[in-house]
N, C-alpha and C. Protein backbone atom coordinates (compact mmCIF):
# COMPACT_ATOMS: atom_id res chain seq x y z
N UNK A 1 -67.43 -15.40 14.39
CA UNK A 1 -68.68 -14.29 14.41
C UNK A 1 -68.57 -12.96 14.89
N UNK A 2 -68.27 -13.40 15.78
CA UNK A 2 -67.83 -12.18 16.99
C UNK A 2 -66.40 -11.07 16.20
N UNK A 3 -65.60 -11.82 15.67
CA UNK A 3 -64.66 -11.20 14.75
C UNK A 3 -65.27 -10.42 13.82
N UNK A 4 -65.90 -10.93 12.68
CA UNK A 4 -66.28 -10.05 11.81
C UNK A 4 -67.30 -9.07 12.11
N UNK A 5 -68.27 -9.27 13.04
CA UNK A 5 -69.05 -8.03 13.73
C UNK A 5 -67.95 -7.03 14.41
N UNK A 6 -67.26 -7.10 15.00
CA UNK A 6 -66.27 -6.40 15.30
C UNK A 6 -65.40 -5.40 14.66
N UNK A 7 -65.03 -6.36 13.27
CA UNK A 7 -64.19 -5.69 12.39
C UNK A 7 -65.70 -4.98 10.97
N UNK A 8 -66.24 -5.46 11.44
CA UNK A 8 -67.85 -4.35 10.57
C UNK A 8 -67.55 -3.27 11.45
N UNK A 9 -67.77 -3.05 12.59
CA UNK A 9 -68.05 -2.12 13.24
C UNK A 9 -67.37 -1.21 13.17
N UNK A 10 -65.62 -1.35 13.09
CA UNK A 10 -64.69 -0.89 12.73
C UNK A 10 -64.44 -0.24 11.48
N UNK A 11 -64.91 -0.93 10.40
CA UNK A 11 -65.04 -0.26 9.33
C UNK A 11 -65.94 0.84 9.42
N UNK A 12 -67.08 0.64 9.77
CA UNK A 12 -68.10 1.62 9.65
C UNK A 12 -67.62 2.88 10.21
N UNK A 13 -66.93 2.73 11.56
CA UNK A 13 -66.46 3.75 12.54
C UNK A 13 -65.18 4.56 11.75
N UNK A 14 -64.50 3.75 10.99
CA UNK A 14 -63.57 4.64 10.38
C UNK A 14 -64.08 5.67 9.36
N UNK A 15 -65.17 4.91 8.29
CA UNK A 15 -65.78 6.02 7.53
C UNK A 15 -66.68 6.80 8.07
N UNK A 16 -67.47 6.50 9.12
CA UNK A 16 -68.08 7.71 9.85
C UNK A 16 -67.13 9.14 10.32
N UNK A 17 -65.91 8.70 10.77
CA UNK A 17 -64.79 9.82 11.14
C UNK A 17 -64.44 10.38 10.29
N UNK A 18 -64.21 9.91 8.94
CA UNK A 18 -63.73 10.50 7.91
C UNK A 18 -64.55 11.30 7.29
N UNK A 19 -65.97 10.77 7.36
CA UNK A 19 -66.55 11.69 6.11
C UNK A 19 -67.22 12.62 7.57
N UNK A 20 -67.19 12.37 8.60
CA UNK A 20 -67.77 13.82 9.59
C UNK A 20 -66.33 14.37 9.89
N UNK A 21 -65.04 14.36 9.51
CA UNK A 21 -63.82 15.06 9.48
C UNK A 21 -64.22 16.15 8.02
N UNK A 22 -64.41 14.97 6.86
CA UNK A 22 -64.22 16.28 5.77
C UNK A 22 -65.58 17.25 5.32
N UNK A 23 -66.54 17.00 6.47
CA UNK A 23 -67.66 17.74 6.31
C UNK A 23 -67.37 18.91 7.48
N UNK A 24 -66.81 18.50 8.45
CA UNK A 24 -66.32 19.96 9.24
C UNK A 24 -65.50 20.69 8.58
N UNK A 25 -66.03 22.28 8.85
CA UNK A 25 -65.25 23.41 8.29
C UNK A 25 -64.55 23.89 9.61
N UNK A 26 -63.24 24.91 8.87
CA UNK A 26 -62.45 25.41 9.87
C UNK A 26 -63.45 26.57 10.63
N UNK A 27 -62.43 26.97 11.42
CA UNK A 27 -63.60 28.23 12.29
C UNK A 27 -63.38 29.37 11.56
N UNK A 28 -64.51 30.12 11.90
CA UNK A 28 -64.54 31.43 11.14
C UNK A 28 -64.55 32.64 12.31
N UNK A 29 -63.65 33.52 12.88
CA UNK A 29 -63.33 34.09 13.72
C UNK A 29 -64.49 35.37 12.91
N UNK A 30 -64.84 36.28 14.24
CA UNK A 30 -65.97 37.14 14.17
C UNK A 30 -64.67 38.60 13.43
N UNK A 31 -63.40 38.89 14.26
CA UNK A 31 -62.62 39.74 13.30
C UNK A 31 -61.46 39.11 13.25
N UNK A 32 -60.72 39.66 12.00
CA UNK A 32 -59.61 38.96 11.46
C UNK A 32 -58.77 40.29 11.02
N UNK A 33 -57.20 40.50 11.08
CA UNK A 33 -56.29 41.28 10.70
C UNK A 33 -55.69 41.15 9.42
N UNK A 34 -55.50 41.58 8.18
CA UNK A 34 -54.95 41.10 7.02
C UNK A 34 -53.79 42.01 6.56
N UNK A 35 -52.61 41.23 6.11
CA UNK A 35 -51.62 42.27 5.25
C UNK A 35 -50.88 41.04 4.53
N UNK A 36 -50.68 41.92 3.45
CA UNK A 36 -50.26 41.16 2.17
C UNK A 36 -49.51 41.65 1.78
N UNK A 37 -48.37 41.20 0.73
CA UNK A 37 -47.30 41.82 -0.09
C UNK A 37 -47.49 41.31 -1.41
N UNK A 38 -47.25 42.14 -2.39
CA UNK A 38 -47.19 41.96 -3.89
C UNK A 38 -46.80 42.40 -4.94
N UNK A 39 -47.27 41.99 -6.00
CA UNK A 39 -47.07 42.85 -7.41
C UNK A 39 -48.01 43.82 -7.63
N UNK A 40 -48.28 44.69 -8.91
CA UNK A 40 -49.32 44.98 -9.69
C UNK A 40 -48.96 45.44 -11.27
N UNK A 41 -49.84 45.80 -11.51
CA UNK A 41 -50.22 45.66 -13.04
C UNK A 41 -51.25 47.30 -13.29
N UNK A 42 -50.63 48.50 -13.63
CA UNK A 42 -51.59 49.69 -13.81
C UNK A 42 -51.70 49.76 -15.69
N UNK A 43 -53.32 49.64 -15.81
CA UNK A 43 -53.27 50.29 -17.01
C UNK A 43 -52.48 51.07 -17.79
N UNK A 44 -52.35 50.57 -19.28
CA UNK A 44 -51.62 51.55 -20.01
C UNK A 44 -52.67 52.88 -20.17
N UNK A 45 -53.53 52.78 -20.57
CA UNK A 45 -54.59 53.42 -20.49
C UNK A 45 -54.42 54.76 -20.13
N UNK A 46 -53.89 54.27 -18.60
CA UNK A 46 -54.21 55.02 -17.26
C UNK A 46 -52.96 56.44 -17.26
N UNK A 47 -52.22 56.27 -18.56
CA UNK A 47 -51.08 57.41 -18.23
C UNK A 47 -51.05 57.70 -19.88
N UNK A 48 -50.21 58.89 -19.68
CA UNK A 48 -50.35 59.85 -21.21
C UNK A 48 -50.00 58.62 -22.26
N UNK A 49 -49.92 58.87 -23.30
CA UNK A 49 -49.55 57.80 -24.59
C UNK A 49 -47.75 57.80 -24.16
N UNK A 50 -47.08 59.10 -24.58
CA UNK A 50 -45.49 59.06 -24.38
C UNK A 50 -44.94 58.53 -23.26
N UNK A 51 -45.66 58.26 -22.26
CA UNK A 51 -45.07 58.03 -20.63
C UNK A 51 -45.92 56.94 -20.15
N UNK A 52 -45.97 55.67 -20.39
CA UNK A 52 -46.52 54.63 -19.77
C UNK A 52 -45.76 54.06 -18.80
N UNK A 53 -45.93 53.37 -17.66
CA UNK A 53 -45.27 52.62 -16.74
C UNK A 53 -45.22 51.17 -16.93
N UNK A 54 -44.62 50.35 -16.20
CA UNK A 54 -44.13 49.04 -16.72
C UNK A 54 -45.30 48.67 -16.21
N UNK A 55 -45.42 47.14 -16.86
CA UNK A 55 -46.04 46.36 -16.70
C UNK A 55 -46.56 45.59 -15.38
N UNK A 56 -45.46 45.32 -14.89
CA UNK A 56 -45.57 44.61 -13.72
C UNK A 56 -44.35 45.78 -12.84
N UNK A 57 -44.97 45.99 -11.33
CA UNK A 57 -44.26 46.47 -10.55
C UNK A 57 -44.79 46.21 -9.31
N UNK A 58 -43.30 46.30 -8.68
CA UNK A 58 -42.93 45.97 -7.05
C UNK A 58 -43.08 47.60 -6.26
N UNK A 59 -43.43 47.93 -5.05
CA UNK A 59 -44.47 46.58 -4.04
C UNK A 59 -45.84 47.14 -4.63
N UNK A 60 -46.80 46.04 -3.94
CA UNK A 60 -47.81 46.25 -3.71
C UNK A 60 -48.26 45.57 -2.16
N UNK A 61 -48.69 46.49 -1.08
CA UNK A 61 -48.92 46.21 -0.02
C UNK A 61 -50.81 46.57 0.28
N UNK A 62 -51.04 45.56 1.32
CA UNK A 62 -52.30 45.91 1.74
C UNK A 62 -52.74 45.45 3.14
N UNK A 63 -53.34 46.45 3.77
CA UNK A 63 -53.79 46.20 5.25
C UNK A 63 -55.38 46.16 5.50
N UNK A 64 -55.68 45.36 6.24
CA UNK A 64 -56.95 45.23 6.69
C UNK A 64 -57.38 44.79 7.69
N UNK A 65 -58.83 45.03 7.60
CA UNK A 65 -59.55 44.52 9.08
C UNK A 65 -60.81 44.08 8.76
N UNK A 66 -61.06 42.76 9.03
CA UNK A 66 -62.09 42.15 8.60
C UNK A 66 -63.43 41.62 9.84
N UNK A 67 -64.95 41.94 9.42
CA UNK A 67 -65.98 41.77 10.62
C UNK A 67 -66.58 40.65 9.71
N UNK A 68 -66.92 39.26 10.13
CA UNK A 68 -67.72 38.34 9.70
C UNK A 68 -69.18 38.52 10.50
N UNK A 69 -70.44 38.78 10.08
CA UNK A 69 -71.37 38.51 10.88
C UNK A 69 -72.02 37.18 10.57
N UNK A 70 -71.84 36.43 9.75
CA UNK A 70 -71.93 34.68 9.98
C UNK A 70 -70.73 34.41 9.35
N UNK A 71 -70.78 32.80 9.17
CA UNK A 71 -70.09 31.84 8.34
C UNK A 71 -69.66 32.29 7.08
N UNK A 72 -70.80 33.10 6.44
CA UNK A 72 -70.48 33.39 4.79
C UNK A 72 -70.53 34.83 4.61
N UNK A 73 -71.19 35.66 5.03
CA UNK A 73 -70.94 37.06 5.24
C UNK A 73 -70.29 37.95 5.96
N UNK A 74 -70.03 38.82 5.53
CA UNK A 74 -68.74 39.90 5.90
C UNK A 74 -68.87 41.68 5.60
N UNK A 75 -68.32 42.22 6.39
CA UNK A 75 -67.17 43.60 5.67
C UNK A 75 -65.76 43.64 6.07
N UNK A 76 -65.14 44.25 5.18
CA UNK A 76 -64.26 44.78 5.82
C UNK A 76 -63.15 46.35 5.20
N UNK A 77 -62.45 47.09 6.12
CA UNK A 77 -61.93 47.85 5.28
C UNK A 77 -60.75 47.70 5.33
N UNK A 78 -60.00 48.28 4.38
CA UNK A 78 -58.37 47.84 3.98
C UNK A 78 -57.87 49.25 3.22
N UNK A 79 -56.59 49.07 3.16
CA UNK A 79 -55.96 50.44 3.01
C UNK A 79 -54.60 49.47 1.82
N UNK A 80 -54.25 50.06 0.80
CA UNK A 80 -53.38 49.53 -0.25
C UNK A 80 -52.41 50.47 -0.70
N UNK A 81 -51.55 50.12 -0.80
CA UNK A 81 -50.50 51.05 -1.48
C UNK A 81 -49.82 50.55 -2.48
N UNK A 82 -49.15 51.34 -3.55
CA UNK A 82 -48.54 50.46 -5.08
C UNK A 82 -48.05 51.61 -5.71
N UNK A 83 -46.73 51.24 -6.09
CA UNK A 83 -45.83 51.86 -6.44
C UNK A 83 -45.45 51.86 -8.22
N UNK A 84 -45.28 52.56 -8.86
CA UNK A 84 -45.44 52.22 -10.47
C UNK A 84 -44.18 53.03 -10.82
N UNK A 85 -43.16 52.61 -11.92
CA UNK A 85 -42.05 52.89 -12.12
C UNK A 85 -42.17 53.52 -13.65
N UNK A 86 -41.65 54.14 -14.40
CA UNK A 86 -41.84 54.21 -15.67
C UNK A 86 -41.07 53.54 -16.60
N UNK A 87 -41.83 52.98 -17.98
CA UNK A 87 -41.21 51.92 -18.60
C UNK A 87 -40.05 52.58 -19.29
N UNK A 88 -39.44 53.40 -19.12
CA UNK A 88 -38.26 54.36 -20.24
C UNK A 88 -39.15 55.51 -20.76
N UNK A 89 -37.73 55.81 -21.39
CA UNK A 89 -38.12 56.80 -22.35
C UNK A 89 -37.21 58.39 -22.00
N UNK A 90 -38.18 59.14 -22.59
CA UNK A 90 -37.04 60.53 -22.35
C UNK A 90 -36.77 60.95 -20.94
N UNK A 91 -37.67 60.87 -20.11
CA UNK A 91 -37.93 61.39 -18.48
C UNK A 91 -38.41 59.77 -17.86
N UNK A 92 -37.60 59.62 -16.64
CA UNK A 92 -38.50 58.32 -15.31
C UNK A 92 -39.40 58.96 -14.37
N UNK A 93 -39.55 58.33 -14.26
CA UNK A 93 -40.71 58.61 -12.92
C UNK A 93 -41.58 57.89 -12.27
N UNK A 94 -41.87 58.00 -11.28
CA UNK A 94 -42.34 57.24 -9.83
C UNK A 94 -43.65 57.51 -9.79
N UNK A 95 -44.64 56.63 -9.44
CA UNK A 95 -46.11 56.85 -8.89
C UNK A 95 -46.39 56.27 -7.56
N UNK A 96 -46.74 57.20 -6.83
CA UNK A 96 -47.48 56.20 -5.55
C UNK A 96 -48.99 56.16 -5.31
N UNK A 97 -49.22 54.99 -5.71
CA UNK A 97 -50.80 54.92 -5.91
C UNK A 97 -51.52 54.32 -4.36
N UNK A 98 -52.28 54.86 -4.01
CA UNK A 98 -53.02 54.37 -2.70
C UNK A 98 -54.24 54.47 -2.62
N UNK A 99 -54.85 53.55 -2.34
CA UNK A 99 -56.01 53.93 -2.15
C UNK A 99 -57.02 52.93 -0.35
N UNK A 100 -58.67 53.28 -0.10
CA UNK A 100 -58.98 52.65 0.73
C UNK A 100 -60.37 52.38 0.36
N UNK A 101 -60.86 51.19 0.63
CA UNK A 101 -62.33 50.48 0.06
C UNK A 101 -62.72 49.82 1.73
N UNK A 102 -64.05 50.04 1.84
CA UNK A 102 -65.12 49.59 2.19
C UNK A 102 -65.71 48.56 1.69
N UNK A 103 -65.64 47.06 1.75
CA UNK A 103 -65.85 46.17 0.94
C UNK A 103 -67.04 44.94 1.68
N UNK A 104 -67.59 44.17 0.93
CA UNK A 104 -68.58 43.17 1.22
C UNK A 104 -67.71 41.72 1.27
N UNK A 105 -67.76 41.18 2.24
CA UNK A 105 -67.07 39.88 2.09
C UNK A 105 -67.82 38.54 1.96
N UNK A 106 -67.63 37.97 1.28
CA UNK A 106 -68.96 36.39 0.86
C UNK A 106 -67.70 35.18 0.93
N UNK A 107 -67.90 34.31 1.74
CA UNK A 107 -67.16 33.02 1.75
C UNK A 107 -68.54 31.95 1.75
N UNK A 108 -67.71 31.57 -0.02
CA UNK A 108 -68.98 30.52 0.00
C UNK A 108 -68.42 28.92 0.15
N UNK A 109 -67.54 28.69 1.04
CA UNK A 109 -66.63 27.74 1.24
C UNK A 109 -67.51 26.57 1.41
N UNK A 110 -68.35 26.75 2.59
CA UNK A 110 -69.39 25.75 3.04
C UNK A 110 -69.92 25.20 2.01
N UNK A 111 -70.43 25.76 1.14
CA UNK A 111 -71.02 24.84 -0.38
C UNK A 111 -70.31 24.24 -1.38
N UNK A 112 -69.15 24.33 -1.08
CA UNK A 112 -68.02 23.81 -2.17
C UNK A 112 -67.39 22.60 -1.53
N UNK A 113 -68.45 21.69 -1.58
CA UNK A 113 -68.01 20.58 -0.88
C UNK A 113 -66.84 19.99 -1.72
N UNK A 114 -66.16 20.12 -2.54
CA UNK A 114 -64.73 19.63 -3.17
C UNK A 114 -63.40 20.32 -2.77
N UNK A 115 -63.53 21.36 -1.82
CA UNK A 115 -62.23 21.94 -1.48
C UNK A 115 -62.12 20.91 -0.22
N UNK A 116 -60.89 20.88 0.18
CA UNK A 116 -60.18 20.14 1.32
C UNK A 116 -60.47 20.98 2.59
N UNK A 117 -60.39 20.66 3.33
CA UNK A 117 -60.68 21.14 4.69
C UNK A 117 -60.52 22.23 4.88
N UNK A 118 -59.03 22.64 4.64
CA UNK A 118 -58.08 23.57 5.01
C UNK A 118 -58.14 24.65 4.38
N UNK A 119 -58.96 24.55 3.18
CA UNK A 119 -58.91 25.51 2.03
C UNK A 119 -60.37 26.39 2.32
N UNK A 120 -59.83 27.89 1.50
CA UNK A 120 -61.02 28.53 2.07
C UNK A 120 -61.09 29.42 0.59
N UNK A 121 -62.48 29.99 -0.11
CA UNK A 121 -62.09 30.87 -1.13
C UNK A 121 -63.17 32.24 -0.69
N UNK A 122 -62.68 33.45 -0.67
CA UNK A 122 -63.39 34.27 -0.18
C UNK A 122 -63.11 35.50 -1.37
N UNK A 123 -64.57 36.06 -1.63
CA UNK A 123 -64.59 37.01 -2.54
C UNK A 123 -64.79 38.39 -2.07
N UNK A 124 -64.57 39.06 -2.42
CA UNK A 124 -64.88 40.69 -1.72
C UNK A 124 -65.32 41.33 -2.63
N UNK A 125 -65.67 42.79 -2.86
CA UNK A 125 -65.91 43.64 -3.76
C UNK A 125 -66.49 44.95 -2.68
N UNK A 126 -65.85 46.09 -3.31
CA UNK A 126 -66.79 47.66 -2.75
C UNK A 126 -66.13 48.56 -3.46
N UNK A 127 -66.99 49.79 -3.32
CA UNK A 127 -66.39 50.96 -3.77
C UNK A 127 -65.13 51.27 -2.56
N UNK A 128 -64.39 52.72 -3.07
CA UNK A 128 -63.47 53.16 -2.40
C UNK A 128 -63.03 54.53 -3.10
N UNK A 129 -61.50 55.02 -2.75
CA UNK A 129 -61.12 56.42 -2.77
C UNK A 129 -60.14 56.10 -3.26
N UNK A 130 -59.02 56.31 -4.43
CA UNK A 130 -57.88 56.52 -4.70
C UNK A 130 -56.73 57.56 -4.74
N UNK A 131 -55.71 57.59 -4.68
CA UNK A 131 -54.86 59.04 -3.97
C UNK A 131 -53.58 58.76 -4.86
N UNK A 132 -53.56 59.47 -5.94
CA UNK A 132 -52.30 59.55 -7.04
C UNK A 132 -51.26 60.43 -6.55
N UNK A 133 -50.17 59.90 -6.33
CA UNK A 133 -49.33 61.20 -6.34
C UNK A 133 -48.05 60.45 -7.14
N UNK A 134 -47.45 61.72 -8.16
CA UNK A 134 -46.17 61.69 -9.15
C UNK A 134 -45.04 61.71 -7.85
N UNK A 135 -44.03 61.36 -8.16
CA UNK A 135 -42.39 61.52 -7.83
C UNK A 135 -42.09 62.40 -8.52
N UNK A 136 -40.67 62.61 -7.91
CA UNK A 136 -39.43 63.77 -8.52
C UNK A 136 -40.13 64.79 -9.09
N UNK A 137 -40.79 65.37 -8.63
CA UNK A 137 -41.16 67.29 -8.52
C UNK A 137 -42.48 67.39 -9.42
N UNK A 138 -43.37 65.88 -9.74
CA UNK A 138 -44.56 66.41 -10.24
C UNK A 138 -45.45 66.69 -9.40
N UNK A 139 -45.57 67.34 -8.13
CA UNK A 139 -46.80 67.29 -7.44
C UNK A 139 -47.98 68.01 -8.28
N UNK A 140 -47.88 68.70 -9.45
CA UNK A 140 -48.78 69.37 -9.89
C UNK A 140 -49.80 68.16 -10.50
N UNK A 141 -49.26 66.84 -10.98
CA UNK A 141 -50.63 65.91 -11.47
C UNK A 141 -50.53 65.42 -10.54
N UNK A 142 -50.96 65.57 -8.91
CA UNK A 142 -51.47 64.87 -8.51
C UNK A 142 -52.94 64.56 -8.09
N UNK A 143 -53.54 63.41 -8.26
CA UNK A 143 -54.92 63.19 -8.08
C UNK A 143 -55.90 62.34 -7.20
N UNK A 144 -56.96 62.47 -7.38
CA UNK A 144 -58.27 61.89 -6.38
C UNK A 144 -58.81 61.51 -6.89
N UNK A 145 -59.66 59.85 -6.59
CA UNK A 145 -60.82 59.74 -7.42
C UNK A 145 -61.61 58.41 -7.25
N UNK A 146 -62.66 58.27 -7.34
CA UNK A 146 -63.40 56.81 -6.91
C UNK A 146 -62.81 55.94 -7.45
N UNK A 147 -63.20 54.56 -7.05
CA UNK A 147 -62.47 53.49 -7.47
C UNK A 147 -63.71 52.16 -7.01
N UNK A 148 -63.81 51.17 -7.84
CA UNK A 148 -64.59 49.97 -7.17
C UNK A 148 -63.21 48.49 -7.37
N UNK A 149 -63.57 47.99 -6.15
CA UNK A 149 -62.32 46.47 -6.18
C UNK A 149 -63.26 45.50 -6.37
N UNK A 150 -62.91 44.83 -7.12
CA UNK A 150 -63.25 43.43 -7.32
C UNK A 150 -62.28 42.51 -6.76
N UNK A 151 -62.05 41.26 -6.02
CA UNK A 151 -61.38 40.70 -5.88
C UNK A 151 -61.60 38.89 -5.29
N UNK A 152 -60.60 38.31 -4.85
CA UNK A 152 -60.85 37.02 -4.56
C UNK A 152 -59.99 36.68 -4.02
N UNK A 153 -60.05 35.82 -2.31
CA UNK A 153 -58.70 35.51 -1.93
C UNK A 153 -58.78 33.93 -1.89
N UNK A 154 -57.63 33.18 -1.85
CA UNK A 154 -57.15 31.88 -1.55
C UNK A 154 -56.50 31.64 0.17
N UNK A 155 -57.21 31.10 1.12
CA UNK A 155 -56.84 30.79 2.39
C UNK A 155 -56.33 29.77 2.18
N UNK A 156 -55.46 29.20 2.99
CA UNK A 156 -54.77 28.12 3.40
C UNK A 156 -55.09 28.40 5.09
N UNK A 157 -55.60 27.04 5.74
CA UNK A 157 -55.40 27.59 7.10
C UNK A 157 -54.13 27.02 7.85
N UNK A 158 -53.80 27.72 8.73
CA UNK A 158 -52.45 26.97 9.24
C UNK A 158 -52.82 26.59 10.97
N UNK A 159 -53.61 27.36 11.11
CA UNK A 159 -54.14 27.19 12.42
C UNK A 159 -55.26 27.44 13.03
N UNK A 160 -56.01 27.71 14.52
CA UNK A 160 -57.06 27.98 14.51
C UNK A 160 -56.95 29.85 14.53
N UNK A 161 -55.67 30.15 14.48
CA UNK A 161 -55.57 31.53 14.46
C UNK A 161 -55.22 32.01 13.03
N UNK A 162 -54.30 31.75 12.43
CA UNK A 162 -53.45 31.79 11.32
C UNK A 162 -53.90 31.06 10.35
N UNK A 163 -54.25 32.11 8.93
CA UNK A 163 -54.01 31.29 7.55
C UNK A 163 -53.49 32.05 6.48
N UNK A 164 -52.74 31.40 5.95
CA UNK A 164 -51.77 32.19 4.93
C UNK A 164 -52.94 32.52 3.66
N UNK A 165 -52.50 33.68 2.67
CA UNK A 165 -53.54 33.66 1.65
C UNK A 165 -52.85 34.18 0.44
N UNK A 166 -53.88 34.12 -0.76
CA UNK A 166 -53.28 34.70 -1.86
C UNK A 166 -54.34 35.58 -2.78
N UNK A 167 -54.41 37.32 -2.38
CA UNK A 167 -55.00 37.65 -3.22
C UNK A 167 -55.00 38.39 -4.85
N UNK A 168 -56.08 37.99 -5.60
CA UNK A 168 -56.15 38.82 -6.69
C UNK A 168 -57.35 39.75 -7.08
N UNK A 169 -56.99 41.08 -7.23
CA UNK A 169 -57.81 42.07 -6.99
C UNK A 169 -57.46 42.68 -8.54
N UNK A 170 -58.96 43.15 -8.63
CA UNK A 170 -59.20 44.45 -10.16
C UNK A 170 -59.77 45.49 -9.76
N UNK A 171 -59.27 47.21 -9.38
CA UNK A 171 -59.36 48.39 -9.03
C UNK A 171 -59.28 48.99 -10.30
N UNK A 172 -60.85 49.04 -10.51
CA UNK A 172 -61.49 50.30 -11.44
C UNK A 172 -61.89 51.73 -11.16
N UNK A 173 -61.18 52.60 -12.13
CA UNK A 173 -60.57 53.84 -11.69
C UNK A 173 -61.94 54.36 -12.14
N UNK A 174 -62.73 55.70 -11.45
CA UNK A 174 -64.40 56.04 -11.97
C UNK A 174 -63.31 57.26 -11.99
N UNK A 175 -63.03 57.60 -13.57
CA UNK A 175 -62.77 58.94 -14.09
C UNK A 175 -61.83 58.78 -15.22
N UNK A 176 -61.51 59.87 -16.03
CA UNK A 176 -60.96 59.63 -17.15
C UNK A 176 -59.85 60.76 -16.94
N UNK A 177 -58.71 60.55 -18.16
CA UNK A 177 -57.88 61.49 -17.94
C UNK A 177 -57.84 62.20 -18.58
N UNK A 178 -57.18 63.52 -18.24
CA UNK A 178 -57.38 64.85 -18.41
C UNK A 178 -56.48 65.00 -19.82
N UNK A 179 -56.68 66.32 -20.05
CA UNK A 179 -56.16 66.29 -21.90
C UNK A 179 -55.00 67.42 -21.61
N UNK A 180 -53.70 67.25 -21.91
CA UNK A 180 -53.13 67.90 -21.92
C UNK A 180 -51.93 68.26 -23.00
N UNK A 181 -51.61 69.71 -22.82
CA UNK A 181 -51.29 70.28 -24.11
C UNK A 181 -49.99 70.99 -23.41
N UNK A 182 -49.04 71.12 -23.57
CA UNK A 182 -48.62 69.83 -24.32
C UNK A 182 -48.66 68.56 -23.71
N UNK A 183 -48.72 67.39 -24.24
CA UNK A 183 -48.65 66.38 -23.58
C UNK A 183 -47.62 65.82 -22.31
N UNK A 184 -46.63 66.02 -22.77
CA UNK A 184 -45.10 66.38 -21.64
C UNK A 184 -46.07 66.77 -19.80
N UNK A 185 -47.08 67.66 -20.21
CA UNK A 185 -47.67 67.99 -18.96
C UNK A 185 -48.24 67.23 -18.02
N UNK A 186 -48.76 65.99 -18.68
CA UNK A 186 -49.14 64.94 -18.02
C UNK A 186 -48.13 63.56 -17.46
N UNK A 187 -47.06 64.13 -17.43
CA UNK A 187 -46.19 62.92 -17.20
C UNK A 187 -46.43 62.82 -15.41
N UNK A 188 -46.69 61.51 -15.39
CA UNK A 188 -46.93 60.79 -14.15
C UNK A 188 -48.39 60.74 -13.50
N UNK A 189 -49.16 61.36 -14.30
CA UNK A 189 -50.55 61.47 -13.79
C UNK A 189 -51.11 60.10 -14.24
N UNK A 190 -52.04 59.72 -13.35
CA UNK A 190 -52.45 58.12 -13.63
C UNK A 190 -53.93 58.04 -12.93
N UNK A 191 -55.22 57.40 -13.85
CA UNK A 191 -56.29 57.38 -13.27
C UNK A 191 -56.99 56.30 -13.73
N UNK A 192 -56.30 55.44 -14.34
CA UNK A 192 -56.97 54.29 -14.95
C UNK A 192 -57.05 52.59 -13.44
N UNK A 193 -57.07 51.78 -14.50
CA UNK A 193 -57.33 50.51 -13.69
C UNK A 193 -55.95 50.07 -13.21
N UNK A 194 -56.03 49.20 -12.06
CA UNK A 194 -55.03 48.56 -11.66
C UNK A 194 -55.51 46.95 -11.18
N UNK A 195 -54.35 46.18 -11.55
CA UNK A 195 -54.45 45.11 -11.42
C UNK A 195 -53.18 44.51 -10.21
N UNK A 196 -53.63 43.51 -8.74
CA UNK A 196 -53.17 43.26 -7.95
C UNK A 196 -52.76 41.93 -7.68
N UNK A 197 -51.67 41.31 -7.38
CA UNK A 197 -51.21 40.35 -6.84
C UNK A 197 -50.61 40.35 -5.65
N UNK A 198 -51.25 39.53 -4.30
CA UNK A 198 -50.36 39.65 -3.47
C UNK A 198 -50.57 38.42 -2.46
N UNK A 199 -49.89 38.19 -1.92
CA UNK A 199 -49.14 37.22 -0.52
C UNK A 199 -49.18 37.84 0.68
N UNK A 200 -49.73 37.02 2.20
CA UNK A 200 -49.42 37.87 3.30
C UNK A 200 -50.47 36.67 4.01
N UNK A 201 -50.71 36.62 5.02
CA UNK A 201 -51.63 35.97 6.55
C UNK A 201 -52.34 36.86 6.88
N UNK A 202 -53.47 36.20 7.22
CA UNK A 202 -55.19 36.38 7.87
C UNK A 202 -54.80 36.12 9.40
N UNK A 203 -54.98 36.77 10.39
CA UNK A 203 -54.69 36.89 11.50
C UNK A 203 -56.24 36.79 12.62
N UNK A 204 -56.46 35.61 13.24
CA UNK A 204 -57.88 36.09 14.13
C UNK A 204 -57.78 37.08 15.17
N UNK A 205 -58.52 37.68 15.50
CA UNK A 205 -58.27 39.07 16.65
C UNK A 205 -59.54 38.63 17.40
N UNK A 206 -60.41 37.74 17.49
CA UNK A 206 -61.43 37.55 18.53
C UNK A 206 -61.58 35.99 19.09
N UNK A 207 -61.00 35.42 18.30
CA UNK A 207 -61.64 33.80 19.07
C UNK A 207 -62.37 33.52 17.72
N UNK A 208 -62.69 32.16 18.08
CA UNK A 208 -64.07 31.43 17.13
C UNK A 208 -65.11 31.71 17.97
N UNK A 209 -66.01 32.59 16.30
CA UNK A 209 -67.64 33.11 17.04
C UNK A 209 -67.80 31.91 16.24
N UNK A 210 -67.54 31.30 15.18
CA UNK A 210 -68.47 30.88 14.10
C UNK A 210 -68.17 29.42 13.76
N UNK A 211 -68.10 28.28 14.61
CA UNK A 211 -67.46 27.61 14.73
C UNK A 211 -68.75 26.06 14.29
N UNK A 212 -68.34 25.04 13.85
CA UNK A 212 -69.05 23.84 13.62
C UNK A 212 -69.07 23.06 15.46
């Protein structure tokens, strides 16, 4: 009888420990630094029709600082650098596309009970400013304009301080391409949209402030 009771208590304890462990979410730091590296795909419509860029380009580099106000809501300021290369044709060119964005951050992982304990999904969105600089002596086509960034990150927590993550972002350019006459004068000019895919690390700068 005592053996059966002890066995019953042991089983209940294991079930409780398992369910409690699953319910626990990873620590949410107030401040985080992020860095990622990846690829980009600029919209063809952002170039003159006779000189588009390659559909896939390297590199994309993102640097950011994030501030959380709760376990779900925060803000971040980030900088992104992208390089485009011409698809080919009568003249090659390269374009440096940089941007700065101030974004809202939303982490719904608390309510997504199907996620493993060490996985987080983080959405981010907000306005920014883009700077386009064609290389190879095409300085006359430097451009700057507003953008709007919409993205999602998938985080894998390595330990309490460090997480690896994948970021997919869509940068919408709030502008329109100038009319160049002749069209060749617009070589290297770009004011379209950009999709980026990058992989990086997120590092806690402040310790655990929003913890279970």
